[in-house]
Amino acid sequence: MAATTKPLLHPEPEERQHGSAANSARRLAVASAVLIVLLMAAFVHLRTRLFLSPPEPVEVELTLVDGAREKGAVCLDGTPAGYHLQRGSGTGSSSWLIHLQLRSFS
């Protein structure tokens, strides 16, 4: 009986085709799974942004600075200087948020 050998590094063309088809199918399956996971993650993020109602606005009292007008500390329209302060709560109880409102002059 004669011994036959198969090349290890360069398979026959028909073997390459079968291996290539299997690799292509595997790559397609992995790509499809990754795409599905990404779409699901995007949908969850989008759903929370679209369907949750925004928080109700909170009225915060305006505090005028004492003696501001006498010291010349007024806004450009001549109104006395003031600020709004809303105390934080929970983990944000010692945090600050500063909001500066600019007016357009046209």
PDB file of N, CA and C in Angstrom:
ATOM      1  N   MET A   1       0.850  -1.158   0.000  1.00  0.00           N
ATOM      2  CA  MET A   1       0.000   0.000   0.000  1.00  0.00           C
ATOM      3  C   MET A   1       0.904   1.233   0.000  1.00  0.00           C
ATOM      4  N   ALA A   2       0.592   2.194  -0.870  1.00  0.00           N
ATOM      5  CA  ALA A   2       1.423   3.373  -1.001  1.00  0.00           C
ATOM      6  C   ALA A   2       0.967   4.438  -0.012  1.00  0.00           C
ATOM      7  N   ALA A   3       1.920   5.104   0.591  1.00  0.00           N
ATOM      8  CA  ALA A   3       1.607   6.163   1.557  1.00  0.00           C
ATOM      9  C   ALA A   3       1.293   7.450   0.798  1.00  0.00           C
ATOM     10  N   THR A   4       0.286   8.145   1.247  1.00  0.00           N
ATOM     11  CA  THR A   4      -0.037   9.436   0.638  1.00  0.00           C
ATOM     12  C   THR A   4       0.227  10.523   1.657  1.00  0.00           C
ATOM     13  N   THR A   5       0.639  11.643   1.168  1.00  0.00           N
ATOM     14  CA  THR A   5       0.895  12.764   2.072  1.00  0.00           C
ATOM     15  C   THR A   5       0.016  13.928   1.678  1.00  0.00           C
ATOM     16  N   LYS A   6      -0.363  14.718   2.657  1.00  0.00           N
ATOM     17  CA  LYS A   6      -1.147  15.932   2.434  1.00  0.00           C
ATOM     18  C   LYS A   6      -0.286  17.109   2.848  1.00  0.00           C
ATOM     19  N   PRO A   7      -0.267  18.166   2.072  1.00  0.00           N
ATOM     20  CA  PRO A   7       0.503  19.333   2.499  1.00  0.00           C
ATOM     21  C   PRO A   7      -0.188  20.001   3.692  1.00  0.00           C
ATOM     22  N   LEU A   8       0.601  20.390   4.696  1.00  0.00           N
ATOM     23  CA  LEU A   8       0.047  21.006   5.891  1.00  0.00           C
ATOM     24  C   LEU A   8      -0.193  22.506   5.704  1.00  0.00           C
ATOM     25  N   LEU A   9       0.714  23.172   5.007  1.00  0.00           N
ATOM     26  CA  LEU A   9       0.612  24.618   4.904  1.00  0.00           C
ATOM     27  C   LEU A   9      -0.273  25.084   3.752  1.00  0.00           C
ATOM     28  N   HIS A  10      -0.328  24.320   2.697  1.00  0.00           N
ATOM     29  CA  HIS A  10      -1.104  24.738   1.523  1.00  0.00           C
ATOM     30  C   HIS A  10      -2.103  23.649   1.169  1.00  0.00           C
ATOM     31  N   PRO A  11      -3.320  23.710   1.736  1.00  0.00           N
ATOM     32  CA  PRO A  11      -4.307  22.663   1.424  1.00  0.00           C
ATOM     33  C   PRO A  11      -4.730  22.751  -0.033  1.00  0.00           C
ATOM     34  N   GLU A  12      -5.288  21.671  -0.478  1.00  0.00           N
ATOM     35  CA  GLU A  12      -5.793  21.620  -1.845  1.00  0.00           C
ATOM     36  C   GLU A  12      -6.893  22.668  -2.025  1.00  0.00           C
ATOM     37  N   PRO A  13      -7.107  23.163  -3.246  1.00  0.00           N
ATOM     38  CA  PRO A  13      -8.107  24.216  -3.466  1.00  0.00           C
ATOM     39  C   PRO A  13      -9.490  23.872  -2.940  1.00  0.00           C
ATOM     40  N   GLU A  14      -9.932  22.619  -3.092  1.00  0.00           N
ATOM     41  CA  GLU A  14     -11.267  22.275  -2.598  1.00  0.00           C
ATOM     42  C   GLU A  14     -11.324  22.305  -1.078  1.00  0.00           C
ATOM     43  N   GLU A  15     -10.215  21.919  -0.392  1.00  0.00           N
ATOM     44  CA  GLU A  15     -10.172  21.992   1.060  1.00  0.00           C
ATOM     45  C   GLU A  15     -10.193  23.442   1.527  1.00  0.00           C
ATOM     46  N   ARG A  16      -9.506  24.315   0.803  1.00  0.00           N
ATOM     47  CA  ARG A  16      -9.484  25.738   1.148  1.00  0.00           C
ATOM     48  C   ARG A  16     -10.881  26.334   1.047  1.00  0.00           C
ATOM     49  N   GLN A  17     -11.617  25.910   0.036  1.00  0.00           N
ATOM     50  CA  GLN A  17     -12.959  26.458  -0.146  1.00  0.00           C
ATOM     51  C   GLN A  17     -13.864  26.064   1.010  1.00  0.00           C
ATOM     52  N   HIS A  18     -13.801  24.803   1.443  1.00  0.00           N
ATOM     53  CA  HIS A  18     -14.644  24.364   2.550  1.00  0.00           C
ATOM     54  C   HIS A  18     -14.256  25.088   3.838  1.00  0.00           C
ATOM     55  N   GLY A  19     -12.977  25.204   4.093  1.00  0.00           N
ATOM     56  CA  GLY A  19     -12.510  25.912   5.279  1.00  0.00           C
ATOM     57  C   GLY A  19     -12.886  27.375   5.222  1.00  0.00           C
ATOM     58  N   SER A  20     -12.804  27.968   4.059  1.00  0.00           N
ATOM     59  CA  SER A  20     -13.144  29.375   3.898  1.00  0.00           C
ATOM     60  C   SER A  20     -14.627  29.607   4.139  1.00  0.00           C
ATOM     61  N   ALA A  21     -15.460  28.713   3.655  1.00  0.00           N
ATOM     62  CA  ALA A  21     -16.905  28.855   3.865  1.00  0.00           C
ATOM     63  C   ALA A  21     -17.247  28.727   5.344  1.00  0.00           C
ATOM     64  N   ALA A  22     -16.592  27.815   6.024  1.00  0.00           N
ATOM     65  CA  ALA A  22     -16.844  27.642   7.458  1.00  0.00           C
ATOM     66  C   ALA A  22     -16.372  28.870   8.224  1.00  0.00           C
ATOM     67  N   ASN A  23     -15.208  29.400   7.873  1.00  0.00           N
ATOM     68  CA  ASN A  23     -14.710  30.607   8.536  1.00  0.00           C
ATOM     69  C   ASN A  23     -15.616  31.798   8.262  1.00  0.00           C
ATOM     70  N   SER A  24     -16.096  31.911   7.022  1.00  0.00           N
ATOM     71  CA  SER A  24     -16.999  33.017   6.682  1.00  0.00           C
ATOM     72  C   SER A  24     -18.293  32.928   7.470  1.00  0.00           C
ATOM     73  N   ALA A  25     -18.821  31.716   7.600  1.00  0.00           N
ATOM     74  CA  ALA A  25     -20.059  31.531   8.360  1.00  0.00           C
ATOM     75  C   ALA A  25     -19.826  31.867   9.831  1.00  0.00           C
ATOM     76  N   ARG A  26     -18.675  31.472  10.376  1.00  0.00           N
ATOM     77  CA  ARG A  26     -18.351  31.756  11.758  1.00  0.00           C
ATOM     78  C   ARG A  26     -18.208  33.267  11.975  1.00  0.00           C
ATOM     79  N   ARG A  27     -17.507  33.932  11.055  1.00  0.00           N
ATOM     80  CA  ARG A  27     -17.344  35.385  11.163  1.00  0.00           C
ATOM     81  C   ARG A  27     -18.696  36.096  11.070  1.00  0.00           C
ATOM     82  N   LEU A  28     -19.544  35.638  10.176  1.00  0.00           N
ATOM     83  CA  LEU A  28     -20.870  36.232  10.035  1.00  0.00           C
ATOM     84  C   LEU A  28     -21.684  36.053  11.312  1.00  0.00           C
ATOM     85  N   ALA A  29     -21.600  34.889  11.920  1.00  0.00           N
ATOM     86  CA  ALA A  29     -22.338  34.636  13.160  1.00  0.00           C
ATOM     87  C   ALA A  29     -21.825  35.538  14.283  1.00  0.00           C
ATOM     88  N   VAL A  30     -20.513  35.687  14.401  1.00  0.00           N
ATOM     89  CA  VAL A  30     -19.945  36.547  15.441  1.00  0.00           C
ATOM     90  C   VAL A  30     -20.319  37.999  15.194  1.00  0.00           C
ATOM     91  N   ALA A  31     -20.213  38.449  13.940  1.00  0.00           N
ATOM     92  CA  ALA A  31     -20.575  39.828  13.609  1.00  0.00           C
ATOM     93  C   ALA A  31     -22.050  40.085  13.889  1.00  0.00           C
ATOM     94  N   SER A  32     -22.900  39.118  13.578  1.00  0.00           N
ATOM     95  CA  SER A  32     -24.335  39.272  13.837  1.00  0.00           C
ATOM     96  C   SER A  32     -24.616  39.363  15.333  1.00  0.00           C
ATOM     97  N   ALA A  33     -23.945  38.530  16.111  1.00  0.00           N
ATOM     98  CA  ALA A  33     -24.145  38.559  17.562  1.00  0.00           C
ATOM     99  C   ALA A  33     -23.685  39.895  18.139  1.00  0.00           C
ATOM    100  N   VAL A  34     -22.543  40.396  17.688  1.00  0.00           N
ATOM    101  CA  VAL A  34     -22.046  41.685  18.172  1.00  0.00           C
ATOM    102  C   VAL A  34     -23.019  42.798  17.785  1.00  0.00           C
ATOM    103  N   LEU A  35     -23.512  42.770  16.570  1.00  0.00           N
ATOM    104  CA  LEU A  35     -24.469  43.784  16.120  1.00  0.00           C
ATOM    105  C   LEU A  35     -25.748  43.744  16.948  1.00  0.00           C
ATOM    106  N   ILE A  36     -26.237  42.572  17.242  1.00  0.00           N
ATOM    107  CA  ILE A  36     -27.459  42.450  18.053  1.00  0.00           C
ATOM    108  C   ILE A  36     -27.232  43.020  19.456  1.00  0.00           C
ATOM    109  N   VAL A  37     -26.092  42.711  20.069  1.00  0.00           N
ATOM    110  CA  VAL A  37     -25.795  43.229  21.411  1.00  0.00           C
ATOM    111  C   VAL A  37     -25.700  44.753  21.383  1.00  0.00           C
ATOM    112  N   LEU A  38     -25.021  45.309  20.369  1.00  0.00           N
ATOM    113  CA  LEU A  38     -24.908  46.764  20.266  1.00  0.00           C
ATOM    114  C   LEU A  38     -26.269  47.425  20.049  1.00  0.00           C
ATOM    115  N   LEU A  39     -27.099  46.839  19.209  1.00  0.00           N
ATOM    116  CA  LEU A  39     -28.437  47.401  18.982  1.00  0.00           C
ATOM    117  C   LEU A  39     -29.291  47.349  20.246  1.00  0.00           C
ATOM    118  N   MET A  40     -29.177  46.264  21.001  1.00  0.00           N
ATOM    119  CA  MET A  40     -29.948  46.157  22.241  1.00  0.00           C
ATOM    120  C   MET A  40     -29.485  47.211  23.247  1.00  0.00           C
ATOM    121  N   ALA A  41     -28.182  47.411  23.354  1.00  0.00           N
ATOM    122  CA  ALA A  41     -27.658  48.417  24.280  1.00  0.00           C
ATOM    123  C   ALA A  41     -28.108  49.813  23.866  1.00  0.00           C
ATOM    124  N   ALA A  42     -28.054  50.096  22.569  1.00  0.00           N
ATOM    125  CA  ALA A  42     -28.487  51.408  22.083  1.00  0.00           C
ATOM    126  C   ALA A  42     -29.976  51.612  22.322  1.00  0.00           C
ATOM    127  N   PHE A  43     -30.783  50.578  22.136  1.00  0.00           N
ATOM    128  CA  PHE A  43     -32.223  50.705  22.341  1.00  0.00           C
ATOM    129  C   PHE A  43     -32.547  50.982  23.793  1.00  0.00           C
ATOM    130  N   VAL A  44     -31.868  50.290  24.710  1.00  0.00           N
ATOM    131  CA  VAL A  44     -32.119  50.508  26.139  1.00  0.00           C
ATOM    132  C   VAL A  44     -31.783  51.944  26.506  1.00  0.00           C
ATOM    133  N   HIS A  45     -30.646  52.447  26.024  1.00  0.00           N
ATOM    134  CA  HIS A  45     -30.244  53.825  26.312  1.00  0.00           C
ATOM    135  C   HIS A  45     -31.239  54.813  25.712  1.00  0.00           C
ATOM    136  N   LEU A  46     -31.637  54.586  24.468  1.00  0.00           N
ATOM    137  CA  LEU A  46     -32.567  55.483  23.791  1.00  0.00           C
ATOM    138  C   LEU A  46     -33.943  55.451  24.447  1.00  0.00           C
ATOM    139  N   ARG A  47     -34.384  54.268  24.849  1.00  0.00           N
ATOM    140  CA  ARG A  47     -35.700  54.132  25.472  1.00  0.00           C
ATOM    141  C   ARG A  47     -35.769  54.931  26.769  1.00  0.00           C
ATOM    142  N   THR A  48     -34.705  54.882  27.575  1.00  0.00           N
ATOM    143  CA  THR A  48     -34.733  55.615  28.828  1.00  0.00           C
ATOM    144  C   THR A  48     -34.752  57.121  28.576  1.00  0.00           C
ATOM    145  N   ARG A  49     -34.094  57.565  27.506  1.00  0.00           N
ATOM    146  CA  ARG A  49     -34.070  59.001  27.218  1.00  0.00           C
ATOM    147  C   ARG A  49     -35.383  59.460  26.591  1.00  0.00           C
ATOM    148  N   LEU A  50     -36.054  58.612  25.822  1.00  0.00           N
ATOM    149  CA  LEU A  50     -37.266  59.025  25.122  1.00  0.00           C
ATOM    150  C   LEU A  50     -38.527  58.927  25.979  1.00  0.00           C
ATOM    151  N   PHE A  51     -38.614  57.891  26.805  1.00  0.00           N
ATOM    152  CA  PHE A  51     -39.882  57.604  27.450  1.00  0.00           C
ATOM    153  C   PHE A  51     -39.953  57.983  28.924  1.00  0.00           C
ATOM    154  N   LEU A  52     -38.853  58.403  29.502  1.00  0.00           N
ATOM    155  CA  LEU A  52     -38.922  58.868  30.881  1.00  0.00           C
ATOM    156  C   LEU A  52     -39.240  60.352  30.881  1.00  0.00           C
ATOM    157  N   SER A  53     -40.146  60.745  31.718  1.00  0.00           N
ATOM    158  CA  SER A  53     -40.512  62.160  31.752  1.00  0.00           C
ATOM    159  C   SER A  53     -39.414  62.948  32.463  1.00  0.00           C
ATOM    160  N   PRO A  54     -39.153  64.155  31.996  1.00  0.00           N
ATOM    161  CA  PRO A  54     -38.122  64.964  32.645  1.00  0.00           C
ATOM    162  C   PRO A  54     -38.571  65.368  34.040  1.00  0.00           C
ATOM    163  N   PRO A  55     -37.627  65.646  34.917  1.00  0.00           N
ATOM    164  CA  PRO A  55     -38.012  66.040  36.278  1.00  0.00           C
ATOM    165  C   PRO A  55     -38.758  67.371  36.261  1.00  0.00           C
ATOM    166  N   GLU A  56     -39.657  67.521  37.208  1.00  0.00           N
ATOM    167  CA  GLU A  56     -40.418  68.770  37.313  1.00  0.00           C
ATOM    168  C   GLU A  56     -39.480  69.913  37.686  1.00  0.00           C
ATOM    169  N   PRO A  57     -39.654  71.068  37.066  1.00  0.00           N
ATOM    170  CA  PRO A  57     -38.808  72.205  37.437  1.00  0.00           C
ATOM    171  C   PRO A  57     -39.122  72.659  38.862  1.00  0.00           C
ATOM    172  N   VAL A  58     -38.102  73.114  39.546  1.00  0.00           N
ATOM    173  CA  VAL A  58     -38.247  73.559  40.927  1.00  0.00           C
ATOM    174  C   VAL A  58     -38.038  75.061  40.962  1.00  0.00           C
ATOM    175  N   GLU A  59     -38.952  75.766  41.597  1.00  0.00           N
ATOM    176  CA  GLU A  59     -38.805  77.215  41.749  1.00  0.00           C
ATOM    177  C   GLU A  59     -37.818  77.476  42.875  1.00  0.00           C
ATOM    178  N   VAL A  60     -36.812  78.279  42.596  1.00  0.00           N
ATOM    179  CA  VAL A  60     -35.812  78.624  43.594  1.00  0.00           C
ATOM    180  C   VAL A  60     -35.892  80.126  43.816  1.00  0.00           C
ATOM    181  N   GLU A  61     -35.974  80.496  45.068  1.00  0.00           N
ATOM    182  CA  GLU A  61     -36.161  81.903  45.429  1.00  0.00           C
ATOM    183  C   GLU A  61     -34.941  82.748  45.067  1.00  0.00           C
ATOM    184  N   LEU A  62     -35.205  83.972  44.579  1.00  0.00           N
ATOM    185  CA  LEU A  62     -34.153  84.925  44.253  1.00  0.00           C
ATOM    186  C   LEU A  62     -33.753  85.670  45.518  1.00  0.00           C
ATOM    187  N   THR A  63     -32.474  85.692  45.792  1.00  0.00           N
ATOM    188  CA  THR A  63     -31.944  86.440  46.921  1.00  0.00           C
ATOM    189  C   THR A  63     -31.192  87.647  46.395  1.00  0.00           C
ATOM    190  N   LEU A  64     -31.665  88.855  46.718  1.00  0.00           N
ATOM    191  CA  LEU A  64     -30.988  90.073  46.282  1.00  0.00           C
ATOM    192  C   LEU A  64     -29.842  90.378  47.237  1.00  0.00           C
ATOM    193  N   VAL A  65     -28.742  90.853  46.694  1.00  0.00           N
ATOM    194  CA  VAL A  65     -27.571  91.172  47.503  1.00  0.00           C
ATOM    195  C   VAL A  65     -27.823  92.491  48.217  1.00  0.00           C
ATOM    196  N   ASP A  66     -27.712  92.471  49.568  1.00  0.00           N
ATOM    197  CA  ASP A  66     -27.934  93.683  50.366  1.00  0.00           C
ATOM    198  C   ASP A  66     -26.919  94.758  49.998  1.00  0.00           C
ATOM    199  N   GLY A  67     -27.397  95.968  49.758  1.00  0.00           N
ATOM    200  CA  GLY A  67     -26.533  97.103  49.472  1.00  0.00           C
ATOM    201  C   GLY A  67     -25.856  97.039  48.123  1.00  0.00           C
ATOM    202  N   ALA A  68     -26.308  96.179  47.247  1.00  0.00           N
ATOM    203  CA  ALA A  68     -25.654  96.032  45.948  1.00  0.00           C
ATOM    204  C   ALA A  68     -25.782  97.303  45.112  1.00  0.00           C
ATOM    205  N   ARG A  69     -26.960  97.878  45.115  1.00  0.00           N
ATOM    206  CA  ARG A  69     -27.188  99.070  44.284  1.00  0.00           C
ATOM    207  C   ARG A  69     -26.307 100.233  44.737  1.00  0.00           C
ATOM    208  N   GLU A  70     -26.184 100.399  46.057  1.00  0.00           N
ATOM    209  CA  GLU A  70     -25.372 101.496  46.585  1.00  0.00           C
ATOM    210  C   GLU A  70     -23.882 101.336  46.235  1.00  0.00           C
ATOM    211  N   LYS A  71     -23.446 100.100  46.103  1.00  0.00           N
ATOM    212  CA  LYS A  71     -22.046  99.831  45.767  1.00  0.00           C
ATOM    213  C   LYS A  71     -21.822  99.770  44.250  1.00  0.00           C
ATOM    214  N   GLY A  72     -22.902  99.927  43.472  1.00  0.00           N
ATOM    215  CA  GLY A  72     -22.786  99.854  42.017  1.00  0.00           C
ATOM    216  C   GLY A  72     -22.800  98.441  41.467  1.00  0.00           C
ATOM    217  N   ALA A  73     -23.148  97.482  42.314  1.00  0.00           N
ATOM    218  CA  ALA A  73     -23.208  96.086  41.869  1.00  0.00           C
ATOM    219  C   ALA A  73     -24.599  95.807  41.306  1.00  0.00           C
ATOM    220  N   VAL A  74     -24.801  96.224  40.067  1.00  0.00           N
ATOM    221  CA  VAL A  74     -26.090  96.022  39.416  1.00  0.00           C
ATOM    222  C   VAL A  74     -25.865  95.320  38.083  1.00  0.00           C
ATOM    223  N   CYS A  75     -26.926  94.755  37.577  1.00  0.00           N
ATOM    224  CA  CYS A  75     -26.868  94.125  36.257  1.00  0.00           C
ATOM    225  C   CYS A  75     -26.798  95.221  35.195  1.00  0.00           C
ATOM    226  N   LEU A  76     -26.515  94.829  33.982  1.00  0.00           N
ATOM    227  CA  LEU A  76     -26.392  95.804  32.901  1.00  0.00           C
ATOM    228  C   LEU A  76     -27.693  96.560  32.637  1.00  0.00           C
ATOM    229  N   ASP A  77     -28.817  95.964  33.003  1.00  0.00           N
ATOM    230  CA  ASP A  77     -30.089  96.663  32.810  1.00  0.00           C
ATOM    231  C   ASP A  77     -30.464  97.513  34.022  1.00  0.00           C
ATOM    232  N   GLY A  78     -29.589  97.581  35.043  1.00  0.00           N
ATOM    233  CA  GLY A  78     -29.821  98.429  36.204  1.00  0.00           C
ATOM    234  C   GLY A  78     -30.482  97.740  37.372  1.00  0.00           C
ATOM    235  N   THR A  79     -30.916  96.517  37.221  1.00  0.00           N
ATOM    236  CA  THR A  79     -31.557  95.805  38.332  1.00  0.00           C
ATOM    237  C   THR A  79     -30.495  95.365  39.340  1.00  0.00           C
ATOM    238  N   PRO A  80     -30.888  95.279  40.627  1.00  0.00           N
ATOM    239  CA  PRO A  80     -29.902  94.901  41.642  1.00  0.00           C
ATOM    240  C   PRO A  80     -29.404  93.466  41.442  1.00  0.00           C
ATOM    241  N   ALA A  81     -28.169  93.247  41.888  1.00  0.00           N
ATOM    242  CA  ALA A  81     -27.576  91.907  41.772  1.00  0.00           C
ATOM    243  C   ALA A  81     -28.282  90.939  42.708  1.00  0.00           C
ATOM    244  N   GLY A  82     -28.376  89.694  42.275  1.00  0.00           N
ATOM    245  CA  GLY A  82     -29.008  88.675  43.101  1.00  0.00           C
ATOM    246  C   GLY A  82     -28.553  87.297  42.679  1.00  0.00           C
ATOM    247  N   TYR A  83     -28.985  86.321  43.423  1.00  0.00           N
ATOM    248  CA  TYR A  83     -28.617  84.940  43.110  1.00  0.00           C
ATOM    249  C   TYR A  83     -29.726  84.007  43.557  1.00  0.00           C
ATOM    250  N   HIS A  84     -29.716  82.835  42.985  1.00  0.00           N
ATOM    251  CA  HIS A  84     -30.625  81.760  43.375  1.00  0.00           C
ATOM    252  C   HIS A  84     -29.772  80.682  44.035  1.00  0.00           C
ATOM    253  N   LEU A  85     -30.211  80.170  45.156  1.00  0.00           N
ATOM    254  CA  LEU A  85     -29.469  79.117  45.847  1.00  0.00           C
ATOM    255  C   LEU A  85     -30.420  77.987  46.180  1.00  0.00           C
ATOM    256  N   GLN A  86     -30.067  76.796  45.714  1.00  0.00           N
ATOM    257  CA  GLN A  86     -30.828  75.603  46.076  1.00  0.00           C
ATOM    258  C   GLN A  86     -29.852  74.626  46.708  1.00  0.00           C
ATOM    259  N   ARG A  87     -30.071  74.300  47.934  1.00  0.00           N
ATOM    260  CA  ARG A  87     -29.184  73.400  48.652  1.00  0.00           C
ATOM    261  C   ARG A  87     -29.278  71.987  48.073  1.00  0.00           C
ATOM    262  N   GLY A  88     -28.134  71.308  48.011  1.00  0.00           N
ATOM    263  CA  GLY A  88     -28.103  69.931  47.535  1.00  0.00           C
ATOM    264  C   GLY A  88     -28.621  68.979  48.595  1.00  0.00           C
ATOM    265  N   SER A  89     -28.807  67.733  48.196  1.00  0.00           N
ATOM    266  CA  SER A  89     -29.257  66.723  49.148  1.00  0.00           C
ATOM    267  C   SER A  89     -28.537  65.411  48.851  1.00  0.00           C
ATOM    268  N   GLY A  90     -28.581  64.522  49.792  1.00  0.00           N
ATOM    269  CA  GLY A  90     -27.961  63.208  49.609  1.00  0.00           C
ATOM    270  C   GLY A  90     -26.466  63.323  49.374  1.00  0.00           C
ATOM    271  N   THR A  91     -25.970  62.612  48.344  1.00  0.00           N
ATOM    272  CA  THR A  91     -24.536  62.633  48.067  1.00  0.00           C
ATOM    273  C   THR A  91     -24.086  63.980  47.511  1.00  0.00           C
ATOM    274  N   GLY A  92     -25.015  64.797  47.044  1.00  0.00           N
ATOM    275  CA  GLY A  92     -24.669  66.111  46.519  1.00  0.00           C
ATOM    276  C   GLY A  92     -24.880  67.236  47.508  1.00  0.00           C
ATOM    277  N   SER A  93     -24.998  66.918  48.804  1.00  0.00           N
ATOM    278  CA  SER A  93     -25.300  67.954  49.796  1.00  0.00           C
ATOM    279  C   SER A  93     -24.178  68.969  49.963  1.00  0.00           C
ATOM    280  N   SER A  94     -22.962  68.602  49.601  1.00  0.00           N
ATOM    281  CA  SER A  94     -21.863  69.565  49.729  1.00  0.00           C
ATOM    282  C   SER A  94     -21.378  70.041  48.358  1.00  0.00           C
ATOM    283  N   SER A  95     -22.152  69.791  47.305  1.00  0.00           N
ATOM    284  CA  SER A  95     -21.764  70.201  45.953  1.00  0.00           C
ATOM    285  C   SER A  95     -22.429  71.519  45.580  1.00  0.00           C
ATOM    286  N   TRP A  96     -21.817  72.196  44.634  1.00  0.00           N
ATOM    287  CA  TRP A  96     -22.340  73.470  44.161  1.00  0.00           C
ATOM    288  C   TRP A  96     -22.548  73.405  42.655  1.00  0.00           C
ATOM    289  N   LEU A  97     -23.548  74.105  42.185  1.00  0.00           N
ATOM    290  CA  LEU A  97     -23.771  74.279  40.756  1.00  0.00           C
ATOM    291  C   LEU A  97     -23.952  75.769  40.529  1.00  0.00           C
ATOM    292  N   ILE A  98     -23.106  76.340  39.695  1.00  0.00           N
ATOM    293  CA  ILE A  98     -23.183  77.775  39.426  1.00  0.00           C
ATOM    294  C   ILE A  98     -23.722  77.968  38.015  1.00  0.00           C
ATOM    295  N   HIS A  99     -24.765  78.750  37.895  1.00  0.00           N
ATOM    296  CA  HIS A  99     -25.382  79.031  36.601  1.00  0.00           C
ATOM    297  C   HIS A  99     -25.333  80.535  36.377  1.00  0.00           C
ATOM    298  N   LEU A 100     -24.673  80.961  35.318  1.00  0.00           N
ATOM    299  CA  LEU A 100     -24.628  82.367  34.970  1.00  0.00           C
ATOM    300  C   LEU A 100     -25.518  82.584  33.758  1.00  0.00           C
ATOM    301  N   GLN A 101     -26.459  83.481  33.894  1.00  0.00           N
ATOM    302  CA  GLN A 101     -27.375  83.758  32.794  1.00  0.00           C
ATOM    303  C   GLN A 101     -26.904  85.007  32.075  1.00  0.00           C
ATOM    304  N   LEU A 102     -26.742  84.894  30.773  1.00  0.00           N
ATOM    305  CA  LEU A 102     -26.336  86.041  29.958  1.00  0.00           C
ATOM    306  C   LEU A 102     -27.541  86.555  29.191  1.00  0.00           C
ATOM    307  N   ARG A 103     -27.605  87.833  29.047  1.00  0.00           N
ATOM    308  CA  ARG A 103     -28.701  88.432  28.282  1.00  0.00           C
ATOM    309  C   ARG A 103     -28.147  88.945  26.964  1.00  0.00           C
ATOM    310  N   SER A 104     -28.930  88.804  25.926  1.00  0.00           N
ATOM    311  CA  SER A 104     -28.478  89.329  24.631  1.00  0.00           C
ATOM    312  C   SER A 104     -29.006  90.764  24.492  1.00  0.00           C
ATOM    313  N   PHE A 105     -28.178  91.603  23.986  1.00  0.00           N
ATOM    314  CA  PHE A 105     -28.541  92.988  23.790  1.00  0.00           C
ATOM    315  C   PHE A 105     -28.605  93.265  22.291  1.00  0.00           C
ATOM    316  N   SER A 106     -29.816  93.375  21.795  1.00  0.00           N
ATOM    317  CA  SER A 106     -29.939  93.651  20.367  1.00  0.00           C
ATOM    318  C   SER A 106     -30.917  94.761  20.101  1.00  0.00           C
TER     319      SER A 106
END
